[in-house]
Amino acid sequence: MKFNLTLLESNSEIASAINKALLPDCNSFMTNSLNQIKNGLPSLIHQSIINTPEYNSLINGQLKYELGIPDAETKVAGLLQIWSNNIIYTYNKPTITGNKIKSSFSANTIRVDFSDVLYTQYAEVQDFVDGYKLPWLQWLLLEGNKTIVKKQEVILGPSSRSRTGYALMKGSNKNWKVPSQFAGVESDNWITRAIDNAESSIQELLNKALS
């Protein structure tokens, strides 16, 4: 016994029908994937920043005393919260284009000019004695090896006159600048280096979410 089957639809019509049937599942898949990424990405960036030499030095090391930040842990925690909250996700839902289902998304993590944090309370130190603010984060991220204070240097050691209790700026033949091992400019600084170091972890998160 023989059977003859005749397809009434063209290949493109069949492909279109299949795509339409798959589209709801693709929408569900992409939504779940994006939710996984949103849940995981902030903590990855947060951890990568914490794992840097700059972070450790700010919390309880040379940078804390050089920059004169008595509440460094609170200030850095505030910055981390802003960066986590300000991640912008762009998502294009699955659509059928040319007999293919296409979708895309992107995540913008930290602004390249740091304008979302530089003018916050976390990026400055208030000197209540002399009544001025010190933009420590701008110095650290953007000023590189530029001279910040002329004819002054920071002397480390216990002092009751120090904001941190362990450093004073005194007159000197030297000029004070951010310590070279921590200095940064817009394209290469504490945060950009941390993001670069997180690349493999971010890729792993993407692979897991999209697998």
Protein backbone atom coordinates (compact mmCIF):
# COMPACT_ATOMS: atom_id res chain seq x y z
CA MET A 1 0.00 0.00 0.00
CA LYS A 2 1.34 3.38 -0.96
CA PHE A 3 0.47 6.84 0.31
CA ASN A 4 1.12 10.09 -1.43
CA LEU A 5 1.36 13.24 0.69
CA THR A 6 1.12 16.65 -0.83
CA LEU A 7 2.13 19.72 1.18
CA LEU A 8 -0.28 22.52 0.50
CA GLU A 9 1.89 25.17 2.19
CA SER A 10 5.20 26.46 0.94
CA ASN A 11 8.40 26.12 2.98
CA SER A 12 8.18 29.76 4.05
CA GLU A 13 4.58 29.32 5.17
CA ILE A 14 5.53 26.25 7.21
CA ALA A 15 8.45 28.11 8.78
CA SER A 16 6.19 31.03 9.61
CA ALA A 17 3.67 28.74 11.28
CA ILE A 18 6.41 27.07 13.34
CA ASN A 19 7.80 30.44 14.42
CA LYS A 20 4.37 31.65 15.49
CA ALA A 21 3.89 28.49 17.54
CA LEU A 22 7.33 28.91 19.19
CA LEU A 23 7.03 32.63 19.91
CA PRO A 24 5.22 32.33 23.30
CA ASP A 25 7.88 29.88 24.55
CA CYS A 26 10.65 32.20 23.33
CA ASN A 27 9.04 35.09 25.21
CA SER A 28 8.89 33.02 28.38
CA PHE A 29 12.49 31.83 27.96
CA MET A 30 13.87 35.33 27.43
CA THR A 31 11.89 36.76 30.35
CA ASN A 32 13.23 34.07 32.69
CA SER A 33 16.77 34.54 31.39
CA LEU A 34 16.64 38.29 31.88
CA ASN A 35 15.32 37.86 35.42
CA GLN A 36 18.27 35.58 36.23
CA ILE A 37 20.69 38.17 34.87
CA LYS A 38 19.02 41.00 36.81
CA ASN A 39 19.25 38.95 39.99
CA GLY A 40 22.88 37.99 39.49
CA LEU A 41 24.63 40.91 37.80
CA PRO A 42 24.56 43.50 40.63
CA SER A 43 26.15 41.09 43.12
CA LEU A 44 28.85 40.10 40.61
CA ILE A 45 29.83 43.72 40.07
CA HIS A 46 29.60 44.42 43.80
CA GLN A 47 31.91 41.50 44.62
CA SER A 48 34.40 42.39 41.90
CA ILE A 49 34.73 45.92 43.30
CA ILE A 50 35.18 44.57 46.83
CA ASN A 51 37.94 42.24 45.66
CA THR A 52 40.17 45.10 44.50
CA PRO A 53 43.28 46.48 46.23
CA GLU A 54 41.64 49.94 46.15
CA TYR A 55 38.65 48.74 48.17
CA ASN A 56 40.80 47.13 50.83
CA SER A 57 43.00 50.21 51.03
CA LEU A 58 39.96 52.51 51.34
CA ILE A 59 38.38 50.48 54.12
CA ASN A 60 41.43 50.08 56.31
CA GLY A 61 44.64 51.00 54.55
CA GLN A 62 46.73 53.69 52.90
CA LEU A 63 43.96 55.25 50.81
CA LYS A 64 41.71 55.74 53.83
CA TYR A 65 44.44 57.78 55.51
CA GLU A 66 45.86 59.51 52.44
CA LEU A 67 42.37 60.71 51.42
CA GLY A 68 41.28 61.34 55.01
CA ILE A 69 38.02 59.36 54.97
CA PRO A 70 36.97 58.48 58.54
CA ASP A 71 33.77 56.69 57.45
CA ALA A 72 35.18 55.04 54.32
CA GLU A 73 33.20 51.81 54.71
CA THR A 74 29.89 53.70 54.84
CA LYS A 75 30.78 55.85 51.86
CA VAL A 76 31.87 52.93 49.69
CA ALA A 77 28.74 50.98 50.67
CA GLY A 78 26.66 53.95 49.51
CA LEU A 79 28.47 54.03 46.17
CA LEU A 80 27.98 50.30 45.67
CA GLN A 81 24.27 50.68 46.32
CA ILE A 82 23.94 53.48 43.77
CA TRP A 83 25.83 51.49 41.13
CA SER A 84 23.69 48.42 41.77
CA ASN A 85 20.45 50.42 41.55
CA ASN A 86 21.48 52.31 38.41
CA ILE A 87 22.07 49.36 36.09
CA ILE A 88 19.95 50.02 32.99
CA TYR A 89 18.57 47.02 31.12
CA THR A 90 17.35 47.29 27.53
CA TYR A 91 15.26 44.40 26.26
CA ASN A 92 13.82 43.78 22.83
CA LYS A 93 11.18 41.08 23.04
CA PRO A 94 11.29 38.15 20.60
CA THR A 95 9.82 39.00 17.21
CA ILE A 96 9.57 37.15 13.93
CA THR A 97 11.78 38.71 11.27
CA GLY A 98 12.52 37.04 7.96
CA ASN A 99 11.36 33.63 9.16
CA LYS A 100 13.59 33.88 12.23
CA ILE A 101 12.84 34.67 15.85
CA LYS A 102 15.10 37.43 17.10
CA SER A 103 15.55 39.04 20.50
CA SER A 104 18.23 41.07 22.25
CA PHE A 105 19.09 42.73 25.54
CA SER A 106 21.87 44.83 26.99
CA ALA A 107 22.91 46.08 30.41
CA ASN A 108 24.62 49.42 31.04
CA THR A 109 26.33 49.11 34.39
CA ILE A 110 28.32 52.20 35.44
CA ARG A 111 28.42 55.57 33.73
CA VAL A 112 31.77 56.28 32.13
CA ASP A 113 31.93 59.79 33.57
CA PHE A 114 30.67 58.68 37.02
CA SER A 115 28.21 61.59 37.02
CA ASP A 116 25.68 59.53 38.98
CA VAL A 117 27.96 59.36 42.04
CA LEU A 118 30.52 62.18 41.95
CA TYR A 119 28.18 64.78 43.45
CA THR A 120 26.70 62.61 46.17
CA GLN A 121 27.61 62.65 49.84
CA TYR A 122 29.45 59.36 49.38
CA ALA A 123 31.99 60.86 46.97
CA GLU A 124 33.04 63.69 49.28
CA VAL A 125 34.55 64.20 52.72
CA GLN A 126 33.29 67.12 54.75
CA ASP A 127 35.98 68.99 56.69
CA PHE A 128 34.00 70.54 59.53
CA VAL A 129 37.00 72.39 60.93
CA ASP A 130 37.81 74.38 57.80
CA GLY A 131 34.34 74.09 56.26
CA TYR A 132 35.13 72.61 52.86
CA LYS A 133 34.46 69.38 51.00
CA LEU A 134 37.12 67.07 49.58
CA PRO A 135 36.10 65.28 46.35
CA TRP A 136 38.03 62.12 47.15
CA LEU A 137 36.28 59.90 44.60
CA GLN A 138 36.99 62.29 41.73
CA TRP A 139 40.64 62.40 42.76
CA LEU A 140 40.84 58.62 42.89
CA LEU A 141 38.98 57.83 39.66
CA LEU A 142 39.77 60.71 37.32
CA GLU A 143 42.78 62.80 38.33
CA GLY A 144 45.50 60.26 37.63
CA ASN A 145 48.93 61.42 38.75
CA LYS A 146 48.03 65.12 38.78
CA THR A 147 49.15 67.24 41.71
CA ILE A 148 46.19 67.72 44.04
CA VAL A 149 47.79 69.78 46.84
CA LYS A 150 51.01 71.70 46.28
CA LYS A 151 53.82 71.79 48.84
CA GLN A 152 52.09 69.28 51.10
CA GLU A 153 52.48 65.61 51.94
CA VAL A 154 50.59 63.15 54.12
CA ILE A 155 52.45 61.86 57.15
CA LEU A 156 51.07 58.59 58.48
CA GLY A 157 50.97 58.02 62.20
CA PRO A 158 48.64 58.39 65.21
CA SER A 159 47.31 61.92 65.68
CA SER A 160 44.43 63.38 67.66
CA ARG A 161 44.18 66.15 65.04
CA SER A 162 43.54 63.72 62.20
CA ARG A 163 40.05 62.98 60.82
CA THR A 164 40.96 59.32 60.66
CA GLY A 165 43.18 59.35 63.73
CA TYR A 166 46.21 58.22 61.77
CA ALA A 167 47.36 60.80 59.19
CA LEU A 168 48.07 64.50 58.83
CA MET A 169 48.91 66.67 55.83
CA LYS A 170 51.92 68.86 56.50
CA GLY A 171 54.00 71.41 54.61
CA SER A 172 56.69 69.88 52.43
CA ASN A 173 58.85 70.37 49.39
CA LYS A 174 56.79 67.62 47.79
CA ASN A 175 53.35 67.85 46.17
CA TRP A 176 50.54 65.53 47.23
CA LYS A 177 48.76 63.33 44.68
CA VAL A 178 46.87 60.07 44.77
CA PRO A 179 49.34 57.21 45.38
CA SER A 180 50.43 56.01 41.94
CA GLN A 181 49.45 52.36 42.48
CA PHE A 182 45.82 53.45 42.96
CA ALA A 183 45.62 56.46 40.63
CA GLY A 184 43.06 56.37 37.85
CA VAL A 185 41.77 58.25 34.81
CA GLU A 186 38.38 57.98 33.12
CA SER A 187 39.35 55.02 30.95
CA ASP A 188 41.46 53.15 33.52
CA ASN A 189 40.66 53.34 37.22
CA TRP A 190 39.54 51.41 40.27
CA ILE A 191 36.05 50.74 38.89
CA THR A 192 36.89 50.09 35.23
CA ARG A 193 39.53 47.60 36.34
CA ALA A 194 37.01 45.89 38.62
CA ILE A 195 34.50 45.59 35.76
CA ASP A 196 37.20 44.16 33.48
CA ASN A 197 38.08 41.59 36.16
CA ALA A 198 34.41 40.58 36.38
CA GLU A 199 34.19 39.79 32.65
CA SER A 200 34.57 36.01 33.00
CA SER A 201 32.04 35.84 35.84
CA ILE A 202 29.57 37.94 33.84
CA GLN A 203 30.04 35.68 30.81
CA GLU A 204 29.41 32.64 33.01
CA LEU A 205 26.20 34.23 34.29
CA LEU A 206 25.05 34.92 30.72
CA ASN A 207 25.85 31.38 29.60
CA LYS A 208 23.93 29.92 32.52
CA ALA A 209 20.92 32.19 32.02
CA LEU A 210 20.75 31.52 28.28
CA SER A 211 21.54 27.80 28.34
